[in-house]
Amino acid sequence: MKRSLTIVIILSALLCMALPSSAQRREIKPRLSPSSDNVSIHSGYRSFIDFGLGVGADEAVKFMLDLEGVRGFQLGRNFFTGIGVGIHQYEREDPRNFSINISFDDNDADFDDVDYPPLESYTIVPVFLSLKWSDRGFDLLSDVYSVDFGYSAMVRSREVGTAIFNSEGGIYLSARYGLNVPLGDRDSFLLSAGWTLQGYGINGSYRTINAAVLSLCYHWK
């Protein structure tokens, strides 16, 4: 009798201990399904549209405008990789000074040492691989680090006073840091600043443009 009573007491105690834990599991389970640790919730295709304004590292570069689009896959909450294409417009002045001496025999006109800085205008289309990492996720207020690298094709070039026989593209590299501001569960704004290196060739001479860029990007899933 005592043995049966002891067994009943032990089973009752185990049952009382199990009931709270079962209730707790039932209460927590719904919360865990949308957890940030669930990779499948955050992974998926994402698109970026970026507009930027740049200022050259040297005085010759007047400004740079860029418009870029990137489409790729977000891996989990923090990492994104994709392929991008853009269009960049550069305006710059040749830092060299040109002297023009013009004179007429009748002395009606005489111009000496006229400075003539030719205007250079380029339209370049980069195609690149984009890598982005967010410390807390692209759906939260967070820091975002971006690196883009690829090749850019020259589609239009103009230099006042220079005959262009051959123009070609070159390397494209961009590194930026920004702040992600969420608008909802699926879209955000990204304000970033960084550095862009653009290579190109004119008449067999290879050149580079370095520019500091401030950009505003809208992205969504």
N, C-alpha and C. Protein backbone atom coordinates (compact mmCIF):
# COMPACT_ATOMS: atom_id res chain seq x y z
N MET A 1 0.83 -1.20 0.00
CA MET A 1 0.00 0.00 0.00
C MET A 1 0.86 1.25 0.00
N LYS A 2 1.86 1.23 0.90
CA LYS A 2 2.74 2.38 0.96
C LYS A 2 3.50 2.56 -0.35
N ARG A 3 3.90 1.38 -0.97
CA ARG A 3 4.64 1.46 -2.23
C ARG A 3 3.77 2.06 -3.33
N SER A 4 2.48 1.63 -3.38
CA SER A 4 1.57 2.17 -4.40
C SER A 4 1.33 3.66 -4.19
N LEU A 5 1.21 4.08 -2.92
CA LEU A 5 1.01 5.49 -2.62
C LEU A 5 2.22 6.32 -3.03
N THR A 6 3.42 5.75 -2.78
CA THR A 6 4.65 6.46 -3.17
C THR A 6 4.72 6.65 -4.68
N ILE A 7 4.36 5.60 -5.44
CA ILE A 7 4.38 5.69 -6.91
C ILE A 7 3.39 6.75 -7.40
N VAL A 8 2.20 6.79 -6.79
CA VAL A 8 1.19 7.78 -7.18
C VAL A 8 1.70 9.19 -6.91
N ILE A 9 2.34 9.39 -5.75
CA ILE A 9 2.86 10.73 -5.41
C ILE A 9 3.93 11.15 -6.40
N ILE A 10 4.86 10.23 -6.75
CA ILE A 10 5.94 10.55 -7.70
C ILE A 10 5.37 10.88 -9.08
N LEU A 11 4.41 10.07 -9.54
CA LEU A 11 3.80 10.34 -10.85
C LEU A 11 3.05 11.67 -10.85
N SER A 12 2.38 11.97 -9.74
CA SER A 12 1.66 13.25 -9.64
C SER A 12 2.63 14.43 -9.70
N ALA A 13 3.79 14.29 -9.00
CA ALA A 13 4.79 15.36 -9.00
C ALA A 13 5.37 15.57 -10.40
N LEU A 14 5.69 14.46 -11.09
CA LEU A 14 6.23 14.56 -12.45
C LEU A 14 5.22 15.20 -13.40
N LEU A 15 3.93 14.85 -13.21
CA LEU A 15 2.89 15.42 -14.04
C LEU A 15 2.74 16.92 -13.81
N CYS A 16 2.84 17.32 -12.56
CA CYS A 16 2.76 18.75 -12.24
C CYS A 16 3.93 19.53 -12.81
N MET A 17 5.12 18.90 -12.83
CA MET A 17 6.30 19.54 -13.41
C MET A 17 6.19 19.62 -14.93
N ALA A 18 5.58 18.62 -15.54
CA ALA A 18 5.50 18.58 -17.00
C ALA A 18 4.47 19.56 -17.55
N LEU A 19 3.39 19.77 -16.82
CA LEU A 19 2.33 20.63 -17.32
C LEU A 19 2.80 22.07 -17.58
N PRO A 20 3.53 22.73 -16.68
CA PRO A 20 3.99 24.10 -16.97
C PRO A 20 4.93 24.15 -18.18
N SER A 21 5.81 23.14 -18.27
CA SER A 21 6.76 23.16 -19.39
C SER A 21 6.03 22.98 -20.71
N SER A 22 4.97 22.12 -20.74
CA SER A 22 4.20 21.94 -21.96
C SER A 22 3.46 23.21 -22.31
N ALA A 23 2.88 23.85 -21.30
CA ALA A 23 2.17 25.11 -21.54
C ALA A 23 3.13 26.17 -22.05
N GLN A 24 4.33 26.18 -21.46
CA GLN A 24 5.33 27.16 -21.90
C GLN A 24 5.73 26.92 -23.34
N ARG A 25 5.89 25.64 -23.72
CA ARG A 25 6.27 25.34 -25.10
C ARG A 25 5.15 25.76 -26.06
N ARG A 26 3.91 25.54 -25.64
CA ARG A 26 2.80 25.95 -26.50
C ARG A 26 2.73 27.46 -26.63
N GLU A 27 3.13 28.19 -25.60
CA GLU A 27 3.09 29.64 -25.63
C GLU A 27 4.24 30.21 -26.47
N ILE A 28 5.41 29.57 -26.39
CA ILE A 28 6.59 30.09 -27.09
C ILE A 28 6.59 29.73 -28.55
N LYS A 29 6.01 28.59 -28.89
CA LYS A 29 6.10 28.08 -30.26
C LYS A 29 5.63 29.08 -31.31
N PRO A 30 4.47 29.76 -31.12
CA PRO A 30 4.07 30.74 -32.13
C PRO A 30 5.06 31.88 -32.29
N ARG A 31 5.74 32.25 -31.18
CA ARG A 31 6.70 33.34 -31.26
C ARG A 31 7.94 32.95 -32.04
N LEU A 32 8.32 31.70 -31.98
CA LEU A 32 9.55 31.28 -32.64
C LEU A 32 9.41 31.21 -34.16
N SER A 33 8.20 30.99 -34.67
CA SER A 33 8.04 30.84 -36.10
C SER A 33 8.44 32.07 -36.90
N PRO A 34 8.14 33.33 -36.42
CA PRO A 34 8.62 34.48 -37.18
C PRO A 34 9.94 35.00 -36.67
N SER A 35 10.69 34.20 -35.97
CA SER A 35 11.92 34.67 -35.35
C SER A 35 12.94 35.13 -36.38
N SER A 36 13.80 36.05 -35.96
CA SER A 36 14.86 36.54 -36.84
C SER A 36 15.86 35.45 -37.17
N ASP A 37 15.84 34.34 -36.40
CA ASP A 37 16.76 33.25 -36.68
C ASP A 37 16.25 32.35 -37.81
N ASN A 38 15.01 32.53 -38.22
CA ASN A 38 14.46 31.73 -39.29
C ASN A 38 14.93 32.31 -40.62
N VAL A 39 15.92 31.66 -41.25
CA VAL A 39 16.56 32.20 -42.44
C VAL A 39 15.58 32.32 -43.60
N SER A 40 14.66 31.37 -43.72
CA SER A 40 13.76 31.35 -44.87
C SER A 40 12.86 32.57 -44.92
N ILE A 41 12.58 33.18 -43.79
CA ILE A 41 11.72 34.36 -43.76
C ILE A 41 12.41 35.55 -44.41
N HIS A 42 13.71 35.69 -44.23
CA HIS A 42 14.43 36.86 -44.70
C HIS A 42 15.10 36.64 -46.05
N SER A 43 15.39 35.42 -46.42
CA SER A 43 16.03 35.15 -47.69
C SER A 43 15.04 35.37 -48.84
N GLY A 44 15.59 35.81 -49.99
CA GLY A 44 14.74 36.02 -51.14
C GLY A 44 15.33 37.06 -52.07
N TYR A 45 14.69 37.27 -53.20
CA TYR A 45 15.17 38.24 -54.18
C TYR A 45 14.91 39.66 -53.69
N ARG A 46 15.88 40.53 -53.95
CA ARG A 46 15.77 41.93 -53.55
C ARG A 46 16.32 42.82 -54.66
N SER A 47 15.75 44.01 -54.81
CA SER A 47 16.17 44.96 -55.85
C SER A 47 16.57 46.28 -55.23
N PHE A 48 17.57 46.93 -55.83
CA PHE A 48 18.08 48.22 -55.38
C PHE A 48 18.07 49.20 -56.56
N ILE A 49 17.58 50.41 -56.33
CA ILE A 49 17.70 51.52 -57.29
C ILE A 49 18.41 52.65 -56.58
N ASP A 50 19.58 53.07 -57.13
CA ASP A 50 20.45 54.00 -56.43
C ASP A 50 20.73 55.22 -57.30
N PHE A 51 20.60 56.42 -56.72
CA PHE A 51 20.96 57.67 -57.38
C PHE A 51 22.04 58.36 -56.58
N GLY A 52 23.14 58.74 -57.25
CA GLY A 52 24.26 59.34 -56.53
C GLY A 52 24.80 60.58 -57.19
N LEU A 53 25.43 61.42 -56.39
CA LEU A 53 26.10 62.63 -56.85
C LEU A 53 27.52 62.62 -56.30
N GLY A 54 28.49 62.81 -57.19
CA GLY A 54 29.89 62.73 -56.78
C GLY A 54 30.66 64.00 -57.05
N VAL A 55 31.71 64.18 -56.27
CA VAL A 55 32.65 65.28 -56.44
C VAL A 55 34.04 64.70 -56.57
N GLY A 56 34.80 65.17 -57.55
CA GLY A 56 36.09 64.57 -57.84
C GLY A 56 37.13 64.82 -56.77
N ALA A 57 38.11 63.91 -56.72
CA ALA A 57 39.20 64.05 -55.76
C ALA A 57 40.17 65.16 -56.16
N ASP A 58 40.24 65.48 -57.45
CA ASP A 58 41.07 66.60 -57.89
C ASP A 58 40.17 67.70 -58.43
N GLU A 59 40.73 68.88 -58.60
CA GLU A 59 39.93 70.03 -59.01
C GLU A 59 39.41 69.90 -60.43
N ALA A 60 40.00 69.02 -61.22
CA ALA A 60 39.58 68.89 -62.61
C ALA A 60 38.18 68.31 -62.75
N VAL A 61 37.80 67.39 -61.86
CA VAL A 61 36.49 66.76 -61.95
C VAL A 61 35.44 67.70 -61.37
N LYS A 62 34.52 68.13 -62.21
CA LYS A 62 33.49 69.06 -61.77
C LYS A 62 32.40 68.32 -60.99
N PHE A 63 31.86 67.25 -61.57
CA PHE A 63 30.86 66.47 -60.86
C PHE A 63 30.66 65.14 -61.55
N MET A 64 29.97 64.25 -60.86
CA MET A 64 29.61 62.96 -61.40
C MET A 64 28.19 62.63 -60.98
N LEU A 65 27.38 62.17 -61.91
CA LEU A 65 26.04 61.70 -61.62
C LEU A 65 25.98 60.21 -61.94
N ASP A 66 25.32 59.45 -61.11
CA ASP A 66 25.19 58.02 -61.40
C ASP A 66 23.80 57.52 -61.04
N LEU A 67 23.31 56.60 -61.85
CA LEU A 67 22.06 55.90 -61.61
C LEU A 67 22.33 54.42 -61.81
N GLU A 68 22.05 53.62 -60.77
CA GLU A 68 22.37 52.20 -60.80
C GLU A 68 21.18 51.37 -60.35
N GLY A 69 21.08 50.18 -60.93
CA GLY A 69 20.08 49.21 -60.51
C GLY A 69 20.75 47.87 -60.24
N VAL A 70 20.36 47.22 -59.16
CA VAL A 70 20.94 45.93 -58.77
C VAL A 70 19.80 44.96 -58.46
N ARG A 71 19.93 43.75 -58.97
CA ARG A 71 18.96 42.69 -58.68
C ARG A 71 19.73 41.46 -58.21
N GLY A 72 19.34 40.92 -57.06
CA GLY A 72 20.06 39.78 -56.54
C GLY A 72 19.31 39.06 -55.45
N PHE A 73 20.04 38.29 -54.66
CA PHE A 73 19.43 37.41 -53.66
C PHE A 73 19.96 37.76 -52.28
N GLN A 74 19.04 37.92 -51.33
CA GLN A 74 19.39 38.15 -49.94
C GLN A 74 19.52 36.82 -49.23
N LEU A 75 20.68 36.57 -48.61
CA LEU A 75 20.95 35.32 -47.91
C LEU A 75 20.77 35.56 -46.42
N GLY A 76 19.69 35.07 -45.86
CA GLY A 76 19.42 35.32 -44.45
C GLY A 76 19.06 36.77 -44.23
N ARG A 77 19.31 37.25 -43.03
CA ARG A 77 18.97 38.63 -42.70
C ARG A 77 20.05 39.61 -43.12
N ASN A 78 21.32 39.22 -43.16
CA ASN A 78 22.40 40.19 -43.19
C ASN A 78 23.16 40.33 -44.50
N PHE A 79 23.10 39.37 -45.40
CA PHE A 79 23.98 39.39 -46.57
C PHE A 79 23.19 39.41 -47.88
N PHE A 80 23.69 40.20 -48.84
CA PHE A 80 23.07 40.30 -50.16
C PHE A 80 24.15 40.28 -51.24
N THR A 81 23.87 39.59 -52.33
CA THR A 81 24.75 39.62 -53.50
C THR A 81 23.90 39.67 -54.75
N GLY A 82 24.37 40.43 -55.75
CA GLY A 82 23.58 40.57 -56.97
C GLY A 82 24.40 41.15 -58.10
N ILE A 83 23.78 41.27 -59.26
CA ILE A 83 24.39 41.84 -60.45
C ILE A 83 23.75 43.19 -60.72
N GLY A 84 24.59 44.19 -61.01
CA GLY A 84 24.09 45.53 -61.23
C GLY A 84 24.55 46.13 -62.54
N VAL A 85 23.81 47.12 -63.02
CA VAL A 85 24.19 47.89 -64.20
C VAL A 85 23.83 49.34 -63.92
N GLY A 86 24.62 50.26 -64.44
CA GLY A 86 24.38 51.66 -64.17
C GLY A 86 24.73 52.53 -65.35
N ILE A 87 24.50 53.82 -65.19
CA ILE A 87 24.92 54.81 -66.16
C ILE A 87 25.53 55.98 -65.39
N HIS A 88 26.77 56.31 -65.73
CA HIS A 88 27.50 57.37 -65.02
C HIS A 88 27.83 58.50 -65.99
N GLN A 89 27.59 59.70 -65.56
CA GLN A 89 27.91 60.88 -66.37
C GLN A 89 28.98 61.69 -65.64
N TYR A 90 30.14 61.88 -66.30
CA TYR A 90 31.24 62.63 -65.72
C TYR A 90 31.44 63.93 -66.51
N GLU A 91 31.68 65.01 -65.80
CA GLU A 91 32.08 66.27 -66.42
C GLU A 91 33.36 66.74 -65.73
N ARG A 92 34.35 67.04 -66.53
CA ARG A 92 35.63 67.48 -65.94
C ARG A 92 36.33 68.44 -66.88
N GLU A 93 37.29 69.16 -66.33
CA GLU A 93 38.12 70.05 -67.12
C GLU A 93 39.55 69.55 -67.07
N ASP A 94 40.22 69.62 -68.21
CA ASP A 94 41.62 69.22 -68.25
C ASP A 94 42.42 70.19 -67.39
N PRO A 95 43.17 69.69 -66.41
CA PRO A 95 43.91 70.59 -65.51
C PRO A 95 45.05 71.32 -66.19
N ARG A 96 45.44 70.89 -67.38
CA ARG A 96 46.54 71.56 -68.07
C ARG A 96 46.06 72.87 -68.69
N ASN A 97 46.94 73.86 -68.76
CA ASN A 97 46.62 75.14 -69.37
C ASN A 97 47.16 75.17 -70.79
N PHE A 98 46.34 75.63 -71.71
CA PHE A 98 46.75 75.74 -73.10
C PHE A 98 46.85 77.22 -73.45
N SER A 99 47.94 77.61 -74.09
CA SER A 99 48.13 78.99 -74.51
C SER A 99 47.89 79.09 -76.01
N ILE A 100 47.10 80.06 -76.41
CA ILE A 100 46.79 80.29 -77.82
C ILE A 100 47.25 81.68 -78.19
N ASN A 101 48.10 81.77 -79.16
CA ASN A 101 48.60 83.06 -79.64
C ASN A 101 48.05 83.32 -81.04
N ILE A 102 47.27 84.35 -81.18
CA ILE A 102 46.66 84.71 -82.45
C ILE A 102 47.00 86.16 -82.75
N SER A 103 47.50 86.42 -83.95
CA SER A 103 47.84 87.80 -84.34
C SER A 103 47.54 87.99 -85.82
N PHE A 104 47.27 89.22 -86.17
CA PHE A 104 47.00 89.59 -87.56
C PHE A 104 47.98 90.65 -87.99
N ASP A 105 48.31 90.63 -89.28
CA ASP A 105 49.31 91.57 -89.79
C ASP A 105 48.86 93.01 -89.70
N ASP A 106 47.52 93.23 -89.81
CA ASP A 106 47.04 94.62 -89.78
C ASP A 106 46.86 95.15 -88.37
N ASN A 107 47.20 94.29 -87.38
CA ASN A 107 47.16 94.71 -85.96
C ASN A 107 45.74 95.06 -85.49
N ASP A 108 44.75 94.58 -86.24
CA ASP A 108 43.38 94.83 -85.77
C ASP A 108 43.04 93.98 -84.54
N ALA A 109 43.72 92.86 -84.40
CA ALA A 109 43.44 91.99 -83.24
C ALA A 109 44.72 91.30 -82.82
N ASP A 110 44.89 91.16 -81.55
CA ASP A 110 46.09 90.51 -81.03
C ASP A 110 45.74 89.86 -79.69
N PHE A 111 45.74 88.52 -79.65
CA PHE A 111 45.40 87.79 -78.44
C PHE A 111 46.62 86.96 -78.03
N ASP A 112 47.08 87.10 -76.84
CA ASP A 112 48.25 86.38 -76.37
C ASP A 112 47.91 85.60 -75.10
N ASP A 113 48.43 84.36 -75.04
CA ASP A 113 48.34 83.54 -73.83
C ASP A 113 46.91 83.44 -73.29
N VAL A 114 46.03 82.96 -74.11
CA VAL A 114 44.65 82.75 -73.69
C VAL A 114 44.54 81.35 -73.08
N ASP A 115 44.14 81.27 -71.81
CA ASP A 115 43.97 79.98 -71.15
C ASP A 115 42.74 79.28 -71.72
N TYR A 116 42.91 78.02 -72.07
CA TYR A 116 41.81 77.27 -72.69
C TYR A 116 41.75 75.87 -72.07
N PRO A 117 41.01 75.73 -70.96
CA PRO A 117 40.87 74.39 -70.36
C PRO A 117 39.75 73.61 -71.04
N PRO A 118 40.07 72.61 -71.86
CA PRO A 118 39.02 71.90 -72.59
C PRO A 118 38.09 71.13 -71.66
N LEU A 119 36.81 71.17 -71.98
CA LEU A 119 35.81 70.42 -71.22
C LEU A 119 35.78 68.98 -71.70
N GLU A 120 35.77 68.05 -70.74
CA GLU A 120 35.69 66.64 -71.06
C GLU A 120 34.38 66.10 -70.49
N SER A 121 33.65 65.36 -71.31
CA SER A 121 32.36 64.81 -70.90
C SER A 121 32.32 63.35 -71.30
N TYR A 122 31.98 62.48 -70.33
CA TYR A 122 31.96 61.05 -70.58
C TYR A 122 30.68 60.43 -70.03
N THR A 123 30.12 59.49 -70.79
CA THR A 123 29.02 58.67 -70.32
C THR A 123 29.49 57.22 -70.32
N ILE A 124 29.50 56.61 -69.15
CA ILE A 124 30.07 55.29 -68.96
C ILE A 124 29.03 54.38 -68.33
N VAL A 125 28.96 53.14 -68.81
CA VAL A 125 27.99 52.16 -68.31
C VAL A 125 28.74 51.02 -67.63
N PRO A 126 28.70 50.95 -66.30
CA PRO A 126 29.34 49.84 -65.58
C PRO A 126 28.41 48.64 -65.41
N VAL A 127 28.98 47.45 -65.51
CA VAL A 127 28.31 46.20 -65.16
C VAL A 127 29.13 45.56 -64.05
N PHE A 128 28.51 45.22 -62.93
CA PHE A 128 29.31 44.88 -61.76
C PHE A 128 28.62 43.86 -60.86
N LEU A 129 29.43 43.25 -60.01
CA LEU A 129 28.96 42.38 -58.94
C LEU A 129 28.85 43.22 -57.68
N SER A 130 27.71 43.13 -57.01
CA SER A 130 27.45 43.92 -55.81
C SER A 130 27.37 43.01 -54.59
N LEU A 131 28.10 43.38 -53.54
CA LEU A 131 28.07 42.67 -52.26
C LEU A 131 27.68 43.65 -51.17
N LYS A 132 26.66 43.31 -50.38
CA LYS A 132 26.20 44.18 -49.31
C LYS A 132 26.03 43.37 -48.03
N TRP A 133 26.40 44.00 -46.92
CA TRP A 133 26.25 43.35 -45.61
C TRP A 133 25.64 44.34 -44.64
N SER A 134 24.63 43.89 -43.89
CA SER A 134 23.95 44.71 -42.90
C SER A 134 24.14 44.10 -41.52
N ASP A 135 24.44 44.93 -40.54
CA ASP A 135 24.74 44.38 -39.21
C ASP A 135 23.50 43.84 -38.50
N ARG A 136 22.32 44.42 -38.78
CA ARG A 136 21.10 43.96 -38.11
C ARG A 136 20.03 43.45 -39.07
N GLY A 137 20.23 43.67 -40.36
CA GLY A 137 19.24 43.23 -41.33
C GLY A 137 18.71 44.38 -42.16
N PHE A 138 18.30 44.07 -43.39
CA PHE A 138 17.83 45.09 -44.31
C PHE A 138 16.41 45.54 -44.03
N ASP A 139 15.74 44.94 -43.04
CA ASP A 139 14.39 45.35 -42.68
C ASP A 139 14.37 46.12 -41.37
N LEU A 140 15.55 46.48 -40.85
CA LEU A 140 15.65 47.22 -39.59
C LEU A 140 16.57 48.42 -39.78
N LEU A 141 16.52 49.35 -38.83
CA LEU A 141 17.47 50.46 -38.82
C LEU A 141 18.86 49.89 -38.55
N SER A 142 19.76 49.99 -39.51
CA SER A 142 21.04 49.28 -39.39
C SER A 142 22.10 49.91 -40.26
N ASP A 143 23.36 49.55 -39.99
CA ASP A 143 24.49 49.94 -40.83
C ASP A 143 24.59 48.99 -42.01
N VAL A 144 24.96 49.53 -43.17
CA VAL A 144 25.11 48.71 -44.37
C VAL A 144 26.45 49.03 -45.04
N TYR A 145 27.20 47.98 -45.36
CA TYR A 145 28.48 48.11 -46.05
C TYR A 145 28.34 47.52 -47.45
N SER A 146 28.82 48.25 -48.47
CA SER A 146 28.66 47.82 -49.85
C SER A 146 29.99 47.88 -50.58
N VAL A 147 30.23 46.87 -51.41
CA VAL A 147 31.38 46.84 -52.31
C VAL A 147 30.90 46.38 -53.68
N ASP A 148 31.18 47.18 -54.72
CA ASP A 148 30.82 46.85 -56.10
C ASP A 148 32.09 46.84 -56.94
N PHE A 149 32.24 45.84 -57.79
CA PHE A 149 33.40 45.83 -58.70
C PHE A 149 33.02 45.14 -59.99
N GLY A 150 33.57 45.66 -61.09
CA GLY A 150 33.25 45.11 -62.40
C GLY A 150 33.96 45.88 -63.50
N TYR A 151 33.33 45.87 -64.69
CA TYR A 151 33.90 46.53 -65.87
C TYR A 151 32.89 47.55 -66.38
N SER A 152 33.41 48.68 -66.88
CA SER A 152 32.55 49.73 -67.41
C SER A 152 32.87 49.99 -68.87
N ALA A 153 31.84 50.16 -69.68
CA ALA A 153 31.99 50.42 -71.10
C ALA A 153 31.76 51.90 -71.39
N MET A 154 32.61 52.49 -72.20
CA MET A 154 32.44 53.87 -72.62
C MET A 154 31.41 53.92 -73.74
N VAL A 155 30.33 54.68 -73.54
CA VAL A 155 29.30 54.78 -74.57
C VAL A 155 29.27 56.16 -75.22
N ARG A 156 29.87 57.14 -74.59
CA ARG A 156 29.92 58.48 -75.18
C ARG A 156 31.09 59.23 -74.58
N SER A 157 31.85 59.92 -75.43
CA SER A 157 32.98 60.70 -74.95
C SER A 157 33.13 61.95 -75.81
N ARG A 158 33.48 63.04 -75.15
CA ARG A 158 33.65 64.29 -75.87
C ARG A 158 34.72 65.12 -75.16
N GLU A 159 35.65 65.62 -75.93
CA GLU A 159 36.67 66.54 -75.42
C GLU A 159 36.77 67.70 -76.39
N VAL A 160 36.48 68.88 -75.90
CA VAL A 160 36.58 70.07 -76.74
C VAL A 160 38.03 70.29 -77.14
N GLY A 161 38.26 70.44 -78.42
CA GLY A 161 39.61 70.70 -78.90
C GLY A 161 40.44 69.45 -79.11
N THR A 162 39.84 68.25 -78.90
CA THR A 162 40.58 67.00 -79.07
C THR A 162 39.79 66.06 -79.98
N ALA A 163 40.46 65.52 -80.98
CA ALA A 163 39.84 64.52 -81.85
C ALA A 163 40.00 63.15 -81.19
N ILE A 164 38.89 62.49 -80.90
CA ILE A 164 38.91 61.19 -80.24
C ILE A 164 38.78 60.10 -81.29
N PHE A 165 39.84 59.33 -81.45
CA PHE A 165 39.85 58.25 -82.43
C PHE A 165 39.44 56.92 -81.79
N ASN A 166 39.69 56.77 -80.52
CA ASN A 166 39.39 55.51 -79.86
C ASN A 166 39.10 55.77 -78.38
N SER A 167 37.97 55.28 -77.91
CA SER A 167 37.63 55.40 -76.48
C SER A 167 37.18 54.04 -75.98
N GLU A 168 37.56 53.72 -74.77
CA GLU A 168 37.23 52.41 -74.21
C GLU A 168 37.01 52.54 -72.71
N GLY A 169 36.37 51.52 -72.15
CA GLY A 169 36.09 51.51 -70.72
C GLY A 169 37.23 50.93 -69.93
N GLY A 170 36.93 50.61 -68.67
CA GLY A 170 37.96 50.06 -67.80
C GLY A 170 37.37 49.57 -66.50
N ILE A 171 38.17 49.50 -65.48
CA ILE A 171 37.76 48.95 -64.19
C ILE A 171 36.74 49.86 -63.50
N TYR A 172 35.85 49.24 -62.75
CA TYR A 172 34.91 49.97 -61.91
C TYR A 172 34.96 49.38 -60.51
N LEU A 173 35.15 50.26 -59.52
CA LEU A 173 35.22 49.84 -58.13
C LEU A 173 34.56 50.89 -57.26
N SER A 174 33.69 50.44 -56.36
CA SER A 174 32.99 51.36 -55.48
C SER A 174 32.86 50.74 -54.09
N ALA A 175 33.14 51.51 -53.06
CA ALA A 175 32.99 51.08 -51.67
C ALA A 175 32.20 52.15 -50.92
N ARG A 176 31.15 51.72 -50.21
CA ARG A 176 30.28 52.68 -49.53
C ARG A 176 29.84 52.16 -48.16
N TYR A 177 29.52 53.13 -47.31
CA TYR A 177 28.96 52.84 -46.00
C TYR A 177 27.70 53.67 -45.84
N GLY A 178 26.63 53.05 -45.33
CA GLY A 178 25.38 53.79 -45.22
C GLY A 178 24.51 53.38 -44.06
N LEU A 179 23.41 54.08 -43.92
CA LEU A 179 22.41 53.82 -42.87
C LEU A 179 21.11 53.41 -43.53
N ASN A 180 20.60 52.26 -43.15
CA ASN A 180 19.36 51.73 -43.70
C ASN A 180 18.18 52.19 -42.84
N VAL A 181 17.17 52.80 -43.48
CA VAL A 181 15.98 53.29 -42.79
C VAL A 181 14.77 52.54 -43.33
N PRO A 182 14.17 51.64 -42.54
CA PRO A 182 13.05 50.83 -43.04
C PRO A 182 11.78 51.65 -43.23
N LEU A 183 11.05 51.30 -44.28
CA LEU A 183 9.74 51.91 -44.54
C LEU A 183 8.62 50.95 -44.16
N GLY A 184 8.93 49.67 -44.19
CA GLY A 184 7.96 48.62 -43.87
C GLY A 184 8.69 47.30 -43.75
N ASP A 185 7.96 46.21 -43.90
CA ASP A 185 8.58 44.89 -43.78
C ASP A 185 9.36 44.51 -45.04
N ARG A 186 9.09 45.18 -46.17
CA ARG A 186 9.67 44.73 -47.43
C ARG A 186 10.49 45.78 -48.16
N ASP A 187 10.48 47.04 -47.72
CA ASP A 187 11.23 48.06 -48.43
C ASP A 187 11.89 49.03 -47.45
N SER A 188 12.95 49.70 -47.94
CA SER A 188 13.75 50.60 -47.11
C SER A 188 14.42 51.65 -47.98
N PHE A 189 14.90 52.71 -47.33
CA PHE A 189 15.79 53.68 -47.93
C PHE A 189 17.19 53.47 -47.36
N LEU A 190 18.20 53.68 -48.22
CA LEU A 190 19.59 53.54 -47.79
C LEU A 190 20.34 54.80 -48.19
N LEU A 191 20.79 55.56 -47.21
CA LEU A 191 21.59 56.76 -47.44
C LEU A 191 23.04 56.40 -47.17
N SER A 192 23.90 56.58 -48.18
CA SER A 192 25.29 56.12 -48.04
C SER A 192 26.27 57.11 -48.63
N ALA A 193 27.51 56.99 -48.21
CA ALA A 193 28.62 57.79 -48.73
C ALA A 193 29.79 56.86 -48.97
N GLY A 194 30.59 57.18 -49.99
CA GLY A 194 31.70 56.30 -50.29
C GLY A 194 32.62 56.85 -51.35
N TRP A 195 33.37 55.95 -51.95
CA TRP A 195 34.41 56.30 -52.91
C TRP A 195 34.25 55.45 -54.16
N THR A 196 34.40 56.09 -55.33
CA THR A 196 34.28 55.40 -56.61
C THR A 196 35.53 55.61 -57.43
N LEU A 197 36.04 54.52 -58.00
CA LEU A 197 37.17 54.56 -58.93
C LEU A 197 36.67 54.11 -60.29
N GLN A 198 36.86 54.96 -61.29
CA GLN A 198 36.39 54.66 -62.65
C GLN A 198 37.55 54.78 -63.63
N GLY A 199 37.80 53.72 -64.37
CA GLY A 199 38.87 53.75 -65.36
C GLY A 199 38.31 53.85 -66.77
N TYR A 200 39.07 54.48 -67.66
CA TYR A 200 38.66 54.60 -69.06
C TYR A 200 39.90 54.91 -69.90
N GLY A 201 39.75 54.75 -71.21
CA GLY A 201 40.86 55.01 -72.11
C GLY A 201 40.45 55.93 -73.24
N ILE A 202 41.33 56.87 -73.59
CA ILE A 202 41.10 57.80 -74.70
C ILE A 202 42.33 57.80 -75.59
N ASN A 203 42.15 57.45 -76.86
CA ASN A 203 43.25 57.47 -77.84
C ASN A 203 44.47 56.68 -77.35
N GLY A 204 44.20 55.54 -76.72
CA GLY A 204 45.28 54.70 -76.25
C GLY A 204 45.88 55.10 -74.92
N SER A 205 45.39 56.17 -74.30
CA SER A 205 45.88 56.63 -73.00
C SER A 205 44.87 56.25 -71.92
N TYR A 206 45.32 55.48 -70.92
CA TYR A 206 44.43 55.02 -69.87
C TYR A 206 44.40 56.05 -68.74
N ARG A 207 43.19 56.38 -68.27
CA ARG A 207 43.01 57.38 -67.23
C ARG A 207 42.08 56.84 -66.14
N THR A 208 42.06 57.50 -65.02
CA THR A 208 41.16 57.12 -63.93
C THR A 208 40.50 58.37 -63.36
N ILE A 209 39.30 58.20 -62.87
CA ILE A 209 38.58 59.25 -62.14
C ILE A 209 38.28 58.73 -60.74
N ASN A 210 38.68 59.49 -59.74
CA ASN A 210 38.35 59.19 -58.34
C ASN A 210 37.34 60.21 -57.86
N ALA A 211 36.27 59.73 -57.26
CA ALA A 211 35.22 60.65 -56.82
C ALA A 211 34.62 60.19 -55.50
N ALA A 212 34.34 61.15 -54.64
CA ALA A 212 33.59 60.90 -53.41
C ALA A 212 32.10 61.03 -53.74
N VAL A 213 31.32 60.02 -53.37
CA VAL A 213 29.93 59.94 -53.81
C VAL A 213 28.98 59.89 -52.61
N LEU A 214 27.91 60.67 -52.69
CA LEU A 214 26.80 60.60 -51.74
C LEU A 214 25.58 60.10 -52.50
N SER A 215 24.94 59.05 -52.00
CA SER A 215 23.85 58.44 -52.77
C SER A 215 22.66 58.11 -51.88
N LEU A 216 21.48 58.07 -52.53
CA LEU A 216 20.24 57.67 -51.88
C LEU A 216 19.68 56.50 -52.66
N CYS A 217 19.37 55.42 -51.97
CA CYS A 217 18.95 54.18 -52.61
C CYS A 217 17.61 53.71 -52.02
N TYR A 218 16.74 53.25 -52.91
CA TYR A 218 15.49 52.62 -52.48
C TYR A 218 15.57 51.13 -52.83
N HIS A 219 15.24 50.26 -51.89
CA HIS A 219 15.31 48.82 -52.17
C HIS A 219 14.11 48.12 -51.57
N TRP A 220 13.75 47.01 -52.20
CA TRP A 220 12.55 46.28 -51.82
C TRP A 220 12.68 44.81 -52.14
N LYS A 221 11.80 44.02 -51.54
CA LYS A 221 11.73 42.57 -51.81
C LYS A 221 10.44 42.26 -52.53
